[in-house]
Full PDB file with SEQRES, HELIX, SHEET, SSBOND, CRYST1, ORIGX, SCALE, CONECT and MASTER records, all heavy atoms in Angstrom:
SEQRES   1 A   36  ALA TYR GLY SER GLN GLY TYR ILE PHE ALA ASP ILE GLN          
SEQRES   2 A   36  ALA ASP PRO ARG PHE LEU GLU GLU PRO GLY GLN LEU ASP          
SEQRES   3 A   36  LEU ILE TYR ASN ILE ALA GLU GLY ASP GLN                      
HELIX    1 AA1 GLY A    3  GLN A    5  5                                   3    
SHEET    1 AA1 2 ASP A  11  PHE A  18  0                                        
SHEET    2 AA1 2 LEU A  25  ALA A  32 -1                                        
CRYST1    1.000    1.000    1.000  90.00  90.00  90.00 P 1           1          
ORIGX1      1.000000  0.000000  0.000000        0.00000                         
ORIGX2      0.000000  1.000000  0.000000        0.00000                         
ORIGX3      0.000000  0.000000  1.000000        0.00000                         
SCALE1      1.000000  0.000000  0.000000        0.00000                         
SCALE2      0.000000  1.000000  0.000000        0.00000                         
SCALE3      0.000000  0.000000  1.000000        0.00000                         
ATOM      1  N   ALA A   1       0.849  -1.159   0.033  1.00  0.00           N  
ATOM      2  CA  ALA A   1       0.003   0.026  -0.058  1.00  0.00           C  
ATOM      3  C   ALA A   1       0.864   1.314  -0.004  1.00  0.00           C  
ATOM      4  O   ALA A   1       0.653   2.218  -0.698  1.00  0.00           O  
ATOM      5  CB  ALA A   1      -0.877  -0.023   1.256  1.00  0.00           C  
ATOM      6  N   TYR A   2       1.913   1.255   0.747  1.00  0.00           N  
ATOM      7  CA  TYR A   2       2.790   2.424   0.798  1.00  0.00           C  
ATOM      8  C   TYR A   2       3.692   2.396  -0.358  1.00  0.00           C  
ATOM      9  O   TYR A   2       3.966   3.434  -1.088  1.00  0.00           O  
ATOM     10  CB  TYR A   2       3.698   2.363   2.140  1.00  0.00           C  
ATOM     11  CG  TYR A   2       3.022   3.000   3.130  1.00  0.00           C  
ATOM     12  CD1 TYR A   2       2.226   2.255   4.105  1.00  0.00           C  
ATOM     13  CD2 TYR A   2       3.126   4.415   3.507  1.00  0.00           C  
ATOM     14  CE1 TYR A   2       1.535   2.915   5.184  1.00  0.00           C  
ATOM     15  CE2 TYR A   2       2.481   5.021   4.564  1.00  0.00           C  
ATOM     16  CZ  TYR A   2       1.756   4.245   5.333  1.00  0.00           C  
ATOM     17  OH  TYR A   2       1.172   4.881   6.501  1.00  0.00           O  
ATOM     18  N   GLY A   3       4.230   1.188  -0.826  1.00  0.00           N  
ATOM     19  CA  GLY A   3       5.176   1.173  -2.001  1.00  0.00           C  
ATOM     20  C   GLY A   3       4.512   1.468  -3.280  1.00  0.00           C  
ATOM     21  O   GLY A   3       5.179   1.958  -4.180  1.00  0.00           O  
ATOM     22  N   SER A   4       3.161   1.367  -3.411  1.00  0.00           N  
ATOM     23  CA  SER A   4       2.478   1.726  -4.587  1.00  0.00           C  
ATOM     24  C   SER A   4       2.461   3.193  -4.810  1.00  0.00           C  
ATOM     25  O   SER A   4       2.109   3.672  -5.892  1.00  0.00           O  
ATOM     26  CB  SER A   4       1.080   1.164  -4.640  1.00  0.00           C  
ATOM     27  OG  SER A   4       0.262   1.622  -3.638  1.00  0.00           O  
ATOM     28  N   GLN A   5       2.584   3.956  -3.753  1.00  0.00           N  
ATOM     29  CA  GLN A   5       2.622   5.493  -3.871  1.00  0.00           C  
ATOM     30  C   GLN A   5       3.896   6.073  -3.553  1.00  0.00           C  
ATOM     31  O   GLN A   5       3.960   7.256  -3.150  1.00  0.00           O  
ATOM     32  CB  GLN A   5       1.571   5.958  -2.713  1.00  0.00           C  
ATOM     33  CG  GLN A   5       0.186   5.406  -2.848  1.00  0.00           C  
ATOM     34  CD  GLN A   5      -0.479   5.884  -4.188  1.00  0.00           C  
ATOM     35  OE1 GLN A   5      -0.331   7.032  -4.634  1.00  0.00           O  
ATOM     36  NE2 GLN A   5      -1.225   4.919  -4.906  1.00  0.00           N  
ATOM     37  N   GLY A   6       4.892   5.185  -3.798  1.00  0.00           N  
ATOM     38  CA  GLY A   6       6.344   5.895  -3.830  1.00  0.00           C  
ATOM     39  C   GLY A   6       7.041   5.789  -2.409  1.00  0.00           C  
ATOM     40  O   GLY A   6       8.206   6.049  -2.336  1.00  0.00           O  
ATOM     41  N   TYR A   7       6.347   5.326  -1.428  1.00  0.00           N  
ATOM     42  CA  TYR A   7       6.972   5.125  -0.020  1.00  0.00           C  
ATOM     43  C   TYR A   7       7.618   3.789   0.042  1.00  0.00           C  
ATOM     44  O   TYR A   7       7.155   2.839   0.881  1.00  0.00           O  
ATOM     45  CB  TYR A   7       5.981   5.290   1.039  1.00  0.00           C  
ATOM     46  CG  TYR A   7       5.369   6.697   1.023  1.00  0.00           C  
ATOM     47  CD1 TYR A   7       4.200   7.037   0.402  1.00  0.00           C  
ATOM     48  CD2 TYR A   7       5.930   7.803   1.755  1.00  0.00           C  
ATOM     49  CE1 TYR A   7       3.582   8.255   0.325  1.00  0.00           C  
ATOM     50  CE2 TYR A   7       5.519   9.062   1.750  1.00  0.00           C  
ATOM     51  CZ  TYR A   7       4.249   9.296   0.990  1.00  0.00           C  
ATOM     52  OH  TYR A   7       3.823  10.577   1.061  1.00  0.00           O  
ATOM     53  N   ILE A   8       8.569   3.473  -0.857  1.00  0.00           N  
ATOM     54  CA  ILE A   8       9.039   2.063  -0.876  1.00  0.00           C  
ATOM     55  C   ILE A   8       9.967   1.696   0.244  1.00  0.00           C  
ATOM     56  O   ILE A   8      10.296   0.514   0.373  1.00  0.00           O  
ATOM     57  CB  ILE A   8       9.738   1.982  -2.171  1.00  0.00           C  
ATOM     58  CG1 ILE A   8      11.035   2.910  -2.402  1.00  0.00           C  
ATOM     59  CG2 ILE A   8       8.866   2.054  -3.426  1.00  0.00           C  
ATOM     60  CD1 ILE A   8      11.836   2.685  -3.652  1.00  0.00           C  
ATOM     61  N   PHE A   9      10.434   2.662   0.983  1.00  0.00           N  
ATOM     62  CA  PHE A   9      11.337   2.340   2.073  1.00  0.00           C  
ATOM     63  C   PHE A   9      10.551   2.575   3.445  1.00  0.00           C  
ATOM     64  O   PHE A   9      11.273   2.674   4.411  1.00  0.00           O  
ATOM     65  CB  PHE A   9      12.469   3.278   2.128  1.00  0.00           C  
ATOM     66  CG  PHE A   9      13.445   3.023   0.950  1.00  0.00           C  
ATOM     67  CD1 PHE A   9      13.626   4.060  -0.115  1.00  0.00           C  
ATOM     68  CD2 PHE A   9      14.013   1.861   0.539  1.00  0.00           C  
ATOM     69  CE1 PHE A   9      14.315   3.940  -1.220  1.00  0.00           C  
ATOM     70  CE2 PHE A   9      14.672   1.606  -0.632  1.00  0.00           C  
ATOM     71  CZ  PHE A   9      14.986   2.717  -1.493  1.00  0.00           C  
ATOM     72  N   ALA A  10       9.252   2.435   3.350  1.00  0.00           N  
ATOM     73  CA  ALA A  10       8.458   2.569   4.628  1.00  0.00           C  
ATOM     74  C   ALA A  10       8.745   1.360   5.463  1.00  0.00           C  
ATOM     75  O   ALA A  10       8.874   0.180   4.859  1.00  0.00           O  
ATOM     76  CB  ALA A  10       6.937   2.583   4.350  1.00  0.00           C  
ATOM     77  N   ASP A  11       9.083   1.556   6.715  1.00  0.00           N  
ATOM     78  CA  ASP A  11       9.390   0.469   7.689  1.00  0.00           C  
ATOM     79  C   ASP A  11       8.070   0.083   8.476  1.00  0.00           C  
ATOM     80  O   ASP A  11       7.566   0.872   9.236  1.00  0.00           O  
ATOM     81  CB  ASP A  11      10.559   0.974   8.736  1.00  0.00           C  
ATOM     82  CG  ASP A  11      10.882  -0.119   9.546  1.00  0.00           C  
ATOM     83  OD1 ASP A  11      10.624  -1.349   9.162  1.00  0.00           O  
ATOM     84  OD2 ASP A  11      11.540   0.147  10.658  1.00  0.00           O  
ATOM     85  N   ILE A  12       7.646  -1.267   8.276  1.00  0.00           N  
ATOM     86  CA  ILE A  12       6.461  -1.514   8.916  1.00  0.00           C  
ATOM     87  C   ILE A  12       6.831  -2.888   9.874  1.00  0.00           C  
ATOM     88  O   ILE A  12       7.329  -3.836   9.282  1.00  0.00           O  
ATOM     89  CB  ILE A  12       5.350  -1.955   7.920  1.00  0.00           C  
ATOM     90  CG1 ILE A  12       5.074  -0.653   7.086  1.00  0.00           C  
ATOM     91  CG2 ILE A  12       4.158  -2.525   8.603  1.00  0.00           C  
ATOM     92  CD1 ILE A  12       4.205  -0.946   5.895  1.00  0.00           C  
ATOM     93  N   GLN A  13       6.576  -2.875  11.022  1.00  0.00           N  
ATOM     94  CA  GLN A  13       6.876  -3.846  12.077  1.00  0.00           C  
ATOM     95  C   GLN A  13       5.545  -4.366  12.694  1.00  0.00           C  
ATOM     96  O   GLN A  13       4.848  -3.432  13.222  1.00  0.00           O  
ATOM     97  CB  GLN A  13       7.936  -3.433  12.946  1.00  0.00           C  
ATOM     98  CG  GLN A  13       9.220  -3.000  12.391  1.00  0.00           C  
ATOM     99  CD  GLN A  13       9.888  -4.172  11.777  1.00  0.00           C  
ATOM    100  OE1 GLN A  13       9.829  -5.282  12.113  1.00  0.00           O  
ATOM    101  NE2 GLN A  13      10.895  -3.886  10.693  1.00  0.00           N  
ATOM    102  N   ALA A  14       5.365  -5.592  12.749  1.00  0.00           N  
ATOM    103  CA  ALA A  14       4.324  -6.149  13.610  1.00  0.00           C  
ATOM    104  C   ALA A  14       4.680  -6.399  14.998  1.00  0.00           C  
ATOM    105  O   ALA A  14       5.765  -6.950  15.364  1.00  0.00           O  
ATOM    106  CB  ALA A  14       3.733  -7.521  12.979  1.00  0.00           C  
ATOM    107  N   ASP A  15       3.800  -5.982  15.976  1.00  0.00           N  
ATOM    108  CA  ASP A  15       4.184  -6.022  17.403  1.00  0.00           C  
ATOM    109  C   ASP A  15       3.007  -6.801  18.132  1.00  0.00           C  
ATOM    110  O   ASP A  15       2.029  -6.121  18.491  1.00  0.00           O  
ATOM    111  CB  ASP A  15       4.441  -4.652  17.915  1.00  0.00           C  
ATOM    112  CG  ASP A  15       4.830  -4.689  19.360  1.00  0.00           C  
ATOM    113  OD1 ASP A  15       5.228  -5.680  19.852  1.00  0.00           O  
ATOM    114  OD2 ASP A  15       4.765  -3.654  19.999  1.00  0.00           O  
ATOM    115  N   PRO A  16       3.082  -8.144  18.266  1.00  0.00           N  
ATOM    116  CA  PRO A  16       2.090  -8.759  19.128  1.00  0.00           C  
ATOM    117  C   PRO A  16       2.288  -8.447  20.603  1.00  0.00           C  
ATOM    118  O   PRO A  16       3.419  -8.723  21.019  1.00  0.00           O  
ATOM    119  CB  PRO A  16       2.205 -10.347  18.785  1.00  0.00           C  
ATOM    120  CG  PRO A  16       3.201 -10.386  17.544  1.00  0.00           C  
ATOM    121  CD  PRO A  16       3.893  -9.034  17.655  1.00  0.00           C  
ATOM    122  N   ARG A  17       1.315  -7.928  21.352  1.00  0.00           N  
ATOM    123  CA  ARG A  17       1.542  -7.644  22.688  1.00  0.00           C  
ATOM    124  C   ARG A  17       0.532  -8.543  23.554  1.00  0.00           C  
ATOM    125  O   ARG A  17      -0.624  -8.554  23.424  1.00  0.00           O  
ATOM    126  CB  ARG A  17       1.166  -6.155  22.961  1.00  0.00           C  
ATOM    127  CG  ARG A  17       2.097  -5.251  22.231  1.00  0.00           C  
ATOM    128  CD  ARG A  17       1.734  -3.719  22.479  1.00  0.00           C  
ATOM    129  NE  ARG A  17       2.723  -2.885  21.748  1.00  0.00           N  
ATOM    130  CZ  ARG A  17       2.741  -1.543  21.838  1.00  0.00           C  
ATOM    131  NH1 ARG A  17       1.734  -1.003  22.530  1.00  0.00           N  
ATOM    132  NH2 ARG A  17       3.511  -0.941  21.137  1.00  0.00           N  
ATOM    133  N   PHE A  18       1.140  -9.352  24.424  1.00  0.00           N  
ATOM    134  CA  PHE A  18       0.331 -10.214  25.323  1.00  0.00           C  
ATOM    135  C   PHE A  18      -0.313  -9.533  26.455  1.00  0.00           C  
ATOM    136  O   PHE A  18       0.234  -8.638  26.992  1.00  0.00           O  
ATOM    137  CB  PHE A  18       1.166 -11.355  25.837  1.00  0.00           C  
ATOM    138  CG  PHE A  18       1.947 -12.086  24.723  1.00  0.00           C  
ATOM    139  CD1 PHE A  18       3.224 -11.825  24.306  1.00  0.00           C  
ATOM    140  CD2 PHE A  18       1.213 -13.113  24.089  1.00  0.00           C  
ATOM    141  CE1 PHE A  18       3.730 -12.574  23.240  1.00  0.00           C  
ATOM    142  CE2 PHE A  18       1.842 -13.906  23.090  1.00  0.00           C  
ATOM    143  CZ  PHE A  18       3.117 -13.592  22.714  1.00  0.00           C  
ATOM    144  N   LEU A  19      -1.573  -9.905  26.748  1.00  0.00           N  
ATOM    145  CA  LEU A  19      -2.355  -9.197  27.693  1.00  0.00           C  
ATOM    146  C   LEU A  19      -2.328 -10.058  28.974  1.00  0.00           C  
ATOM    147  O   LEU A  19      -1.843 -11.213  29.017  1.00  0.00           O  
ATOM    148  CB  LEU A  19      -3.831  -9.050  27.132  1.00  0.00           C  
ATOM    149  CG  LEU A  19      -3.983  -8.365  25.875  1.00  0.00           C  
ATOM    150  CD1 LEU A  19      -5.340  -8.359  25.350  1.00  0.00           C  
ATOM    151  CD2 LEU A  19      -3.401  -6.897  25.968  1.00  0.00           C  
ATOM    152  N   GLU A  20      -2.871  -9.323  29.970  1.00  0.00           N  
ATOM    153  CA  GLU A  20      -3.028 -10.064  31.375  1.00  0.00           C  
ATOM    154  C   GLU A  20      -4.007 -11.221  31.233  1.00  0.00           C  
ATOM    155  O   GLU A  20      -3.864 -12.245  31.935  1.00  0.00           O  
ATOM    156  CB  GLU A  20      -3.427  -9.168  32.473  1.00  0.00           C  
ATOM    157  CG  GLU A  20      -2.315  -8.152  32.673  1.00  0.00           C  
ATOM    158  CD  GLU A  20      -2.616  -7.177  33.873  1.00  0.00           C  
ATOM    159  OE1 GLU A  20      -3.775  -7.349  34.368  1.00  0.00           O  
ATOM    160  OE2 GLU A  20      -1.962  -6.314  34.187  1.00  0.00           O  
ATOM    161  N   GLU A  21      -4.972 -11.103  30.418  1.00  0.00           N  
ATOM    162  CA  GLU A  21      -5.980 -12.181  30.269  1.00  0.00           C  
ATOM    163  C   GLU A  21      -5.323 -13.324  29.590  1.00  0.00           C  
ATOM    164  O   GLU A  21      -4.738 -13.159  28.492  1.00  0.00           O  
ATOM    165  CB  GLU A  21      -7.135 -11.754  29.490  1.00  0.00           C  
ATOM    166  CG  GLU A  21      -8.063 -10.632  30.216  1.00  0.00           C  
ATOM    167  CD  GLU A  21      -7.436  -9.296  29.852  1.00  0.00           C  
ATOM    168  OE1 GLU A  21      -6.308  -9.104  29.392  1.00  0.00           O  
ATOM    169  OE2 GLU A  21      -8.057  -8.259  30.280  1.00  0.00           O  
ATOM    170  N   PRO A  22      -5.334 -14.456  30.104  1.00  0.00           N  
ATOM    171  CA  PRO A  22      -4.663 -15.694  29.409  1.00  0.00           C  
ATOM    172  C   PRO A  22      -5.305 -15.991  27.964  1.00  0.00           C  
ATOM    173  O   PRO A  22      -6.546 -15.879  27.876  1.00  0.00           O  
ATOM    174  CB  PRO A  22      -4.977 -16.825  30.358  1.00  0.00           C  
ATOM    175  CG  PRO A  22      -6.249 -16.458  31.139  1.00  0.00           C  
ATOM    176  CD  PRO A  22      -6.093 -14.886  31.165  1.00  0.00           C  
ATOM    177  N   GLY A  23      -4.357 -16.221  27.067  1.00  0.00           N  
ATOM    178  CA  GLY A  23      -4.813 -16.686  25.723  1.00  0.00           C  
ATOM    179  C   GLY A  23      -5.211 -15.441  24.957  1.00  0.00           C  
ATOM    180  O   GLY A  23      -5.946 -15.732  23.888  1.00  0.00           O  
ATOM    181  N   GLN A  24      -4.867 -14.182  25.199  1.00  0.00           N  
ATOM    182  CA  GLN A  24      -5.373 -13.118  24.349  1.00  0.00           C  
ATOM    183  C   GLN A  24      -4.108 -12.115  24.192  1.00  0.00           C  
ATOM    184  O   GLN A  24      -3.202 -12.039  24.920  1.00  0.00           O  
ATOM    185  CB  GLN A  24      -6.433 -12.213  25.027  1.00  0.00           C  
ATOM    186  CG  GLN A  24      -7.772 -13.000  25.164  1.00  0.00           C  
ATOM    187  CD  GLN A  24      -8.821 -11.961  25.495  1.00  0.00           C  
ATOM    188  OE1 GLN A  24      -8.646 -10.914  25.677  1.00  0.00           O  
ATOM    189  NE2 GLN A  24     -10.096 -12.654  25.708  1.00  0.00           N  
ATOM    190  N   LEU A  25      -4.120 -11.492  22.962  1.00  0.00           N  
ATOM    191  CA  LEU A  25      -3.032 -10.486  22.644  1.00  0.00           C  
ATOM    192  C   LEU A  25      -3.778  -9.406  21.747  1.00  0.00           C  
ATOM    193  O   LEU A  25      -4.787  -9.603  21.100  1.00  0.00           O  
ATOM    194  CB  LEU A  25      -1.858 -11.215  21.958  1.00  0.00           C  
ATOM    195  CG  LEU A  25      -2.172 -11.951  20.703  1.00  0.00           C  
ATOM    196  CD1 LEU A  25      -2.132 -11.088  19.453  1.00  0.00           C  
ATOM    197  CD2 LEU A  25      -1.134 -13.082  20.449  1.00  0.00           C  
ATOM    198  N   ASP A  26      -2.960  -8.294  21.749  1.00  0.00           N  
ATOM    199  CA  ASP A  26      -3.269  -7.222  20.775  1.00  0.00           C  
ATOM    200  C   ASP A  26      -2.207  -7.164  19.732  1.00  0.00           C  
ATOM    201  O   ASP A  26      -0.996  -7.342  19.986  1.00  0.00           O  
ATOM    202  CB  ASP A  26      -3.348  -5.843  21.616  1.00  0.00           C  
ATOM    203  CG  ASP A  26      -4.523  -5.719  22.309  1.00  0.00           C  
ATOM    204  OD1 ASP A  26      -5.558  -6.459  22.106  1.00  0.00           O  
ATOM    205  OD2 ASP A  26      -4.549  -4.892  23.285  1.00  0.00           O  
ATOM    206  N   LEU A  27      -2.627  -6.910  18.480  1.00  0.00           N  
ATOM    207  CA  LEU A  27      -1.621  -7.003  17.358  1.00  0.00           C  
ATOM    208  C   LEU A  27      -1.544  -5.429  16.861  1.00  0.00           C  
ATOM    209  O   LEU A  27      -2.556  -4.880  16.482  1.00  0.00           O  
ATOM    210  CB  LEU A  27      -2.073  -7.851  16.254  1.00  0.00           C  
ATOM    211  CG  LEU A  27      -1.160  -7.976  15.019  1.00  0.00           C  
ATOM    212  CD1 LEU A  27       0.210  -8.425  15.502  1.00  0.00           C  
ATOM    213  CD2 LEU A  27      -1.732  -8.996  14.116  1.00  0.00           C  
ATOM    214  N   ILE A  28      -0.331  -4.986  16.889  1.00  0.00           N  
ATOM    215  CA  ILE A  28      -0.096  -3.527  16.546  1.00  0.00           C  
ATOM    216  C   ILE A  28       0.816  -3.537  15.376  1.00  0.00           C  
ATOM    217  O   ILE A  28       1.936  -4.192  15.362  1.00  0.00           O  
ATOM    218  CB  ILE A  28       0.336  -2.718  17.788  1.00  0.00           C  
ATOM    219  CG1 ILE A  28      -0.611  -2.615  18.784  1.00  0.00           C  
ATOM    220  CG2 ILE A  28       0.627  -1.256  17.185  1.00  0.00           C  
ATOM    221  CD1 ILE A  28      -0.233  -2.002  20.186  1.00  0.00           C  
ATOM    222  N   TYR A  29       0.613  -2.704  14.346  1.00  0.00           N  
ATOM    223  CA  TYR A  29       1.432  -2.552  13.146  1.00  0.00           C  
ATOM    224  C   TYR A  29       2.075  -1.137  13.280  1.00  0.00           C  
ATOM    225  O   TYR A  29       1.398  -0.147  13.193  1.00  0.00           O  
ATOM    226  CB  TYR A  29       0.785  -2.731  11.772  1.00  0.00           C  
ATOM    227  CG  TYR A  29       0.239  -4.138  11.671  1.00  0.00           C  
ATOM    228  CD1 TYR A  29      -1.130  -4.438  11.842  1.00  0.00           C  
ATOM    229  CD2 TYR A  29       1.023  -5.153  11.227  1.00  0.00           C  
ATOM    230  CE1 TYR A  29      -1.645  -5.799  11.644  1.00  0.00           C  
ATOM    231  CE2 TYR A  29       0.547  -6.520  10.974  1.00  0.00           C  
ATOM    232  CZ  TYR A  29      -0.720  -6.676  11.306  1.00  0.00           C  
ATOM    233  OH  TYR A  29      -1.243  -7.970  11.036  1.00  0.00           O  
ATOM    234  N   ASN A  30       3.379  -1.082  13.590  1.00  0.00           N  
ATOM    235  CA  ASN A  30       3.938   0.271  13.713  1.00  0.00           C  
ATOM    236  C   ASN A  30       4.636   0.557  12.445  1.00  0.00           C  
ATOM    237  O   ASN A  30       5.403  -0.161  11.752  1.00  0.00           O  
ATOM    238  CB  ASN A  30       5.142   0.120  14.859  1.00  0.00           C  
ATOM    239  CG  ASN A  30       4.651  -0.092  16.250  1.00  0.00           C  
ATOM    240  OD1 ASN A  30       3.713   0.659  16.624  1.00  0.00           O  
ATOM    241  ND2 ASN A  30       5.088  -1.057  16.887  1.00  0.00           N  
ATOM    242  N   ILE A  31       4.275   1.801  11.959  1.00  0.00           N  
ATOM    243  CA  ILE A  31       4.623   2.324  10.532  1.00  0.00           C  
ATOM    244  C   ILE A  31       5.441   3.431  10.736  1.00  0.00           C  
ATOM    245  O   ILE A  31       5.154   4.538  11.290  1.00  0.00           O  
ATOM    246  CB  ILE A  31       3.441   2.564   9.825  1.00  0.00           C  
ATOM    247  CG1 ILE A  31       2.648   1.311   9.674  1.00  0.00           C  
ATOM    248  CG2 ILE A  31       3.843   3.189   8.358  1.00  0.00           C  
ATOM    249  CD1 ILE A  31       1.206   1.588   8.874  1.00  0.00           C  
ATOM    250  N   ALA A  32       6.651   3.415  10.075  1.00  0.00           N  
ATOM    251  CA  ALA A  32       7.455   4.621   9.907  1.00  0.00           C  
ATOM    252  C   ALA A  32       7.585   4.915   8.388  1.00  0.00           C  
ATOM    253  O   ALA A  32       8.171   4.297   7.476  1.00  0.00           O  
ATOM    254  CB  ALA A  32       8.971   4.373  10.325  1.00  0.00           C  
ATOM    255  N   GLU A  33       6.740   5.917   7.970  1.00  0.00           N  
ATOM    256  CA  GLU A  33       6.499   6.069   6.530  1.00  0.00           C  
ATOM    257  C   GLU A  33       7.640   6.505   5.703  1.00  0.00           C  
ATOM    258  O   GLU A  33       7.786   5.993   4.557  1.00  0.00           O  
ATOM    259  CB  GLU A  33       5.344   7.113   6.477  1.00  0.00           C  
ATOM    260  CG  GLU A  33       4.018   6.646   6.988  1.00  0.00           C  
ATOM    261  CD  GLU A  33       2.984   7.751   6.962  1.00  0.00           C  
ATOM    262  OE1 GLU A  33       3.272   8.825   6.940  1.00  0.00           O  
ATOM    263  OE2 GLU A  33       1.732   7.321   6.759  1.00  0.00           O  
ATOM    264  N   GLY A  34       8.533   7.436   6.174  1.00  0.00           N  
ATOM    265  CA  GLY A  34       9.669   7.840   5.432  1.00  0.00           C  
ATOM    266  C   GLY A  34       9.087   8.787   4.347  1.00  0.00           C  
ATOM    267  O   GLY A  34       8.141   9.432   4.357  1.00  0.00           O  
ATOM    268  N   ASP A  35       9.995   8.937   3.293  1.00  0.00           N  
ATOM    269  CA  ASP A  35       9.721   9.912   2.222  1.00  0.00           C  
ATOM    270  C   ASP A  35       8.992   9.227   1.006  1.00  0.00           C  
ATOM    271  O   ASP A  35       9.312   8.052   0.868  1.00  0.00           O  
ATOM    272  CB  ASP A  35      10.995  10.706   1.783  1.00  0.00           C  
ATOM    273  CG  ASP A  35      11.481  11.473   2.872  1.00  0.00           C  
ATOM    274  OD1 ASP A  35      10.762  12.040   3.752  1.00  0.00           O  
ATOM    275  OD2 ASP A  35      12.834  11.592   3.016  1.00  0.00           O  
ATOM    276  N   GLN A  36       8.462  10.097   0.218  1.00  0.00           N  
ATOM    277  CA  GLN A  36       7.909   9.613  -1.233  1.00  0.00           C  
ATOM    278  C   GLN A  36       9.169   9.761  -2.123  1.00  0.00           C  
ATOM    279  O   GLN A  36       9.817  10.643  -2.221  1.00  0.00           O  
ATOM    280  CB  GLN A  36       6.687  10.285  -1.511  1.00  0.00           C  
ATOM    281  CG  GLN A  36       6.032   9.730  -2.778  1.00  0.00           C  
ATOM    282  CD  GLN A  36       4.925  10.679  -3.096  1.00  0.00           C  
ATOM    283  OE1 GLN A  36       5.020  11.872  -3.358  1.00  0.00           O  
ATOM    284  NE2 GLN A  36       3.599  10.078  -3.368  1.00  0.00           N  
TER     285      GLN A  36                                                      
MASTER        0    0    0    1    2    0    0    6  284    1    0    3          
END                                                                             
C-alpha cells in the first residue's frame, strides 16, 4: 500500500502484545512512513 505510492522504504513492523488475560493478545502494526 505504501510502496504503490512511492513510499518504498516505509518500515512496517508487527508487534504482538500479550495481555494479562490468558490466551489473548493485541496486534499492533508500527509504521515509519519515510519519504515519497
